[in-house]
Amino acid sequence: MNKERYKEEYEEGSDLLWPSDKEDKITRQFYKDLSNLTKNINYSKKKNLKLFEQVVRIIKGKGWG
């Protein structure tokens, strides 16, 4: 089913403009990619922080654990 963009009008005076299937697919992929990118950035920050913590422990003489 390949729907085109369409508009719904309601008695209260509000109108909704719905995306086409293609637009909806692209939007969903964009947010999925954005979510994955955010997860990767957060993982990198945690990884760098752990490395920094290890360096501090070594300097203080508390070893690796």
N, C-alpha and C. Protein backbone atom coordinates (compact mmCIF):
# COMPACT_ATOMS: atom_id res chain seq x y z
N MET A 1 0.84 -1.17 0.00
CA MET A 1 0.00 0.00 0.00
C MET A 1 0.89 1.24 0.00
N ASN A 2 0.73 2.09 -0.98
CA ASN A 2 1.56 3.28 -1.11
C ASN A 2 0.66 4.51 -1.10
N LYS A 3 0.47 5.05 0.10
CA LYS A 3 -0.42 6.21 0.23
C LYS A 3 0.34 7.49 -0.06
N GLU A 4 -0.35 8.42 -0.66
CA GLU A 4 0.19 9.75 -0.87
C GLU A 4 -0.16 10.60 0.34
N ARG A 5 0.45 11.76 0.43
CA ARG A 5 0.15 12.71 1.51
C ARG A 5 -1.33 13.09 1.42
N TYR A 6 -1.98 13.13 2.56
CA TYR A 6 -3.38 13.52 2.54
C TYR A 6 -3.72 14.36 3.77
N LYS A 7 -4.83 15.06 3.68
CA LYS A 7 -5.25 15.99 4.72
C LYS A 7 -6.58 15.54 5.30
N GLU A 8 -6.68 15.58 6.63
CA GLU A 8 -7.94 15.29 7.31
C GLU A 8 -8.45 16.56 7.93
N GLU A 9 -9.72 16.84 7.69
CA GLU A 9 -10.33 18.03 8.27
C GLU A 9 -11.35 17.59 9.32
N TYR A 10 -11.33 18.28 10.46
CA TYR A 10 -12.23 17.95 11.56
C TYR A 10 -13.20 19.09 11.81
N GLU A 11 -14.33 18.75 12.38
CA GLU A 11 -15.39 19.74 12.63
C GLU A 11 -14.91 20.87 13.53
N GLU A 12 -14.00 20.55 14.46
CA GLU A 12 -13.52 21.56 15.40
C GLU A 12 -12.68 22.64 14.71
N GLY A 13 -12.36 22.42 13.46
CA GLY A 13 -11.58 23.40 12.72
C GLY A 13 -10.12 23.04 12.57
N SER A 14 -9.69 21.94 13.18
CA SER A 14 -8.29 21.55 13.05
C SER A 14 -8.11 20.65 11.84
N ASP A 15 -6.99 20.80 11.20
CA ASP A 15 -6.65 19.99 10.03
C ASP A 15 -5.35 19.24 10.31
N LEU A 16 -5.30 18.01 9.90
CA LEU A 16 -4.08 17.22 10.02
C LEU A 16 -3.56 16.89 8.63
N LEU A 17 -2.28 17.09 8.43
CA LEU A 17 -1.65 16.74 7.16
C LEU A 17 -0.78 15.51 7.40
N TRP A 18 -1.17 14.39 6.83
CA TRP A 18 -0.47 13.13 7.03
C TRP A 18 0.59 12.95 5.95
N PRO A 19 1.76 12.41 6.30
CA PRO A 19 2.82 12.20 5.30
C PRO A 19 2.50 11.02 4.40
N SER A 20 3.15 11.02 3.25
CA SER A 20 3.02 9.87 2.36
C SER A 20 3.85 8.73 2.96
N ASP A 21 3.69 7.53 2.43
CA ASP A 21 4.45 6.38 2.92
C ASP A 21 5.95 6.61 2.74
N LYS A 22 6.34 7.21 1.62
CA LYS A 22 7.75 7.46 1.35
C LYS A 22 8.33 8.45 2.37
N GLU A 23 7.59 9.54 2.61
CA GLU A 23 8.03 10.53 3.60
C GLU A 23 8.12 9.92 4.99
N ASP A 24 7.15 9.10 5.33
CA ASP A 24 7.11 8.46 6.64
C ASP A 24 8.31 7.52 6.81
N LYS A 25 8.62 6.77 5.78
CA LYS A 25 9.75 5.84 5.83
C LYS A 25 11.07 6.60 6.01
N ILE A 26 11.23 7.69 5.27
CA ILE A 26 12.45 8.50 5.35
C ILE A 26 12.58 9.13 6.75
N THR A 27 11.47 9.64 7.27
CA THR A 27 11.48 10.26 8.60
C THR A 27 11.84 9.24 9.67
N ARG A 28 11.24 8.05 9.60
CA ARG A 28 11.54 7.00 10.58
C ARG A 28 13.01 6.59 10.50
N GLN A 29 13.55 6.48 9.29
CA GLN A 29 14.96 6.11 9.13
C GLN A 29 15.87 7.20 9.69
N PHE A 30 15.50 8.46 9.48
CA PHE A 30 16.28 9.58 10.01
C PHE A 30 16.37 9.50 11.53
N TYR A 31 15.22 9.30 12.20
CA TYR A 31 15.23 9.24 13.66
C TYR A 31 15.94 7.99 14.17
N LYS A 32 15.86 6.89 13.42
CA LYS A 32 16.58 5.68 13.80
C LYS A 32 18.09 5.93 13.71
N ASP A 33 18.53 6.54 12.63
CA ASP A 33 19.96 6.86 12.47
C ASP A 33 20.43 7.84 13.54
N LEU A 34 19.61 8.84 13.83
CA LEU A 34 19.94 9.83 14.86
C LEU A 34 20.07 9.16 16.23
N SER A 35 19.17 8.24 16.51
CA SER A 35 19.21 7.51 17.78
C SER A 35 20.49 6.67 17.87
N ASN A 36 20.84 5.97 16.80
CA ASN A 36 22.05 5.16 16.79
C ASN A 36 23.29 6.03 16.94
N LEU A 37 23.32 7.18 16.29
CA LEU A 37 24.44 8.10 16.40
C LEU A 37 24.60 8.59 17.83
N THR A 38 23.49 8.94 18.46
CA THR A 38 23.52 9.39 19.85
C THR A 38 24.04 8.30 20.76
N LYS A 39 23.61 7.07 20.54
CA LYS A 39 24.09 5.94 21.35
C LYS A 39 25.60 5.78 21.18
N ASN A 40 26.09 5.89 19.95
CA ASN A 40 27.52 5.74 19.69
C ASN A 40 28.32 6.86 20.34
N ILE A 41 27.81 8.08 20.31
CA ILE A 41 28.51 9.21 20.93
C ILE A 41 28.57 9.00 22.44
N ASN A 42 27.46 8.59 23.04
CA ASN A 42 27.45 8.35 24.48
C ASN A 42 28.40 7.22 24.85
N TYR A 43 28.47 6.18 24.03
CA TYR A 43 29.37 5.06 24.29
C TYR A 43 30.82 5.55 24.22
N SER A 44 31.14 6.38 23.23
CA SER A 44 32.50 6.90 23.08
C SER A 44 32.89 7.75 24.29
N LYS A 45 31.96 8.57 24.78
CA LYS A 45 32.24 9.41 25.94
C LYS A 45 32.51 8.55 27.16
N LYS A 46 31.71 7.49 27.34
CA LYS A 46 31.91 6.59 28.48
C LYS A 46 33.25 5.89 28.38
N LYS A 47 33.60 5.47 27.17
CA LYS A 47 34.86 4.77 26.94
C LYS A 47 36.03 5.70 27.27
N ASN A 48 35.97 6.94 26.80
CA ASN A 48 37.03 7.91 27.07
C ASN A 48 37.12 8.21 28.56
N LEU A 49 35.99 8.30 29.22
CA LEU A 49 35.97 8.58 30.65
C LEU A 49 36.61 7.43 31.42
N LYS A 50 36.31 6.19 31.03
CA LYS A 50 36.92 5.04 31.70
C LYS A 50 38.43 5.03 31.50
N LEU A 51 38.88 5.38 30.32
CA LEU A 51 40.32 5.45 30.05
C LEU A 51 40.96 6.51 30.94
N PHE A 52 40.29 7.66 31.06
CA PHE A 52 40.79 8.74 31.92
C PHE A 52 40.85 8.26 33.38
N GLU A 53 39.81 7.56 33.82
CA GLU A 53 39.79 7.04 35.19
C GLU A 53 40.95 6.06 35.42
N GLN A 54 41.25 5.22 34.43
CA GLN A 54 42.36 4.27 34.55
C GLN A 54 43.69 5.02 34.69
N VAL A 55 43.86 6.06 33.90
CA VAL A 55 45.10 6.85 33.96
C VAL A 55 45.24 7.47 35.35
N VAL A 56 44.16 8.01 35.88
CA VAL A 56 44.19 8.62 37.21
C VAL A 56 44.54 7.56 38.26
N ARG A 57 43.96 6.38 38.15
CA ARG A 57 44.25 5.30 39.11
C ARG A 57 45.72 4.91 39.05
N ILE A 58 46.26 4.83 37.86
CA ILE A 58 47.68 4.45 37.70
C ILE A 58 48.56 5.52 38.34
N ILE A 59 48.23 6.79 38.08
CA ILE A 59 49.01 7.89 38.66
C ILE A 59 48.95 7.85 40.19
N LYS A 60 47.78 7.57 40.73
CA LYS A 60 47.63 7.52 42.18
C LYS A 60 48.23 6.24 42.77
N GLY A 61 48.56 5.28 41.92
CA GLY A 61 49.19 4.05 42.37
C GLY A 61 48.21 2.97 42.82
N LYS A 62 46.97 3.06 42.36
CA LYS A 62 45.97 2.07 42.77
C LYS A 62 45.84 0.94 41.74
N GLY A 63 46.62 0.96 40.71
CA GLY A 63 46.63 -0.14 39.74
C GLY A 63 45.49 -0.12 38.75
N TRP A 64 45.24 -1.27 38.13
CA TRP A 64 44.28 -1.39 37.03
C TRP A 64 42.85 -1.68 37.52
N GLY A 65 42.66 -2.20 38.67
CA GLY A 65 41.34 -2.65 39.04
C GLY A 65 40.65 -1.72 39.87
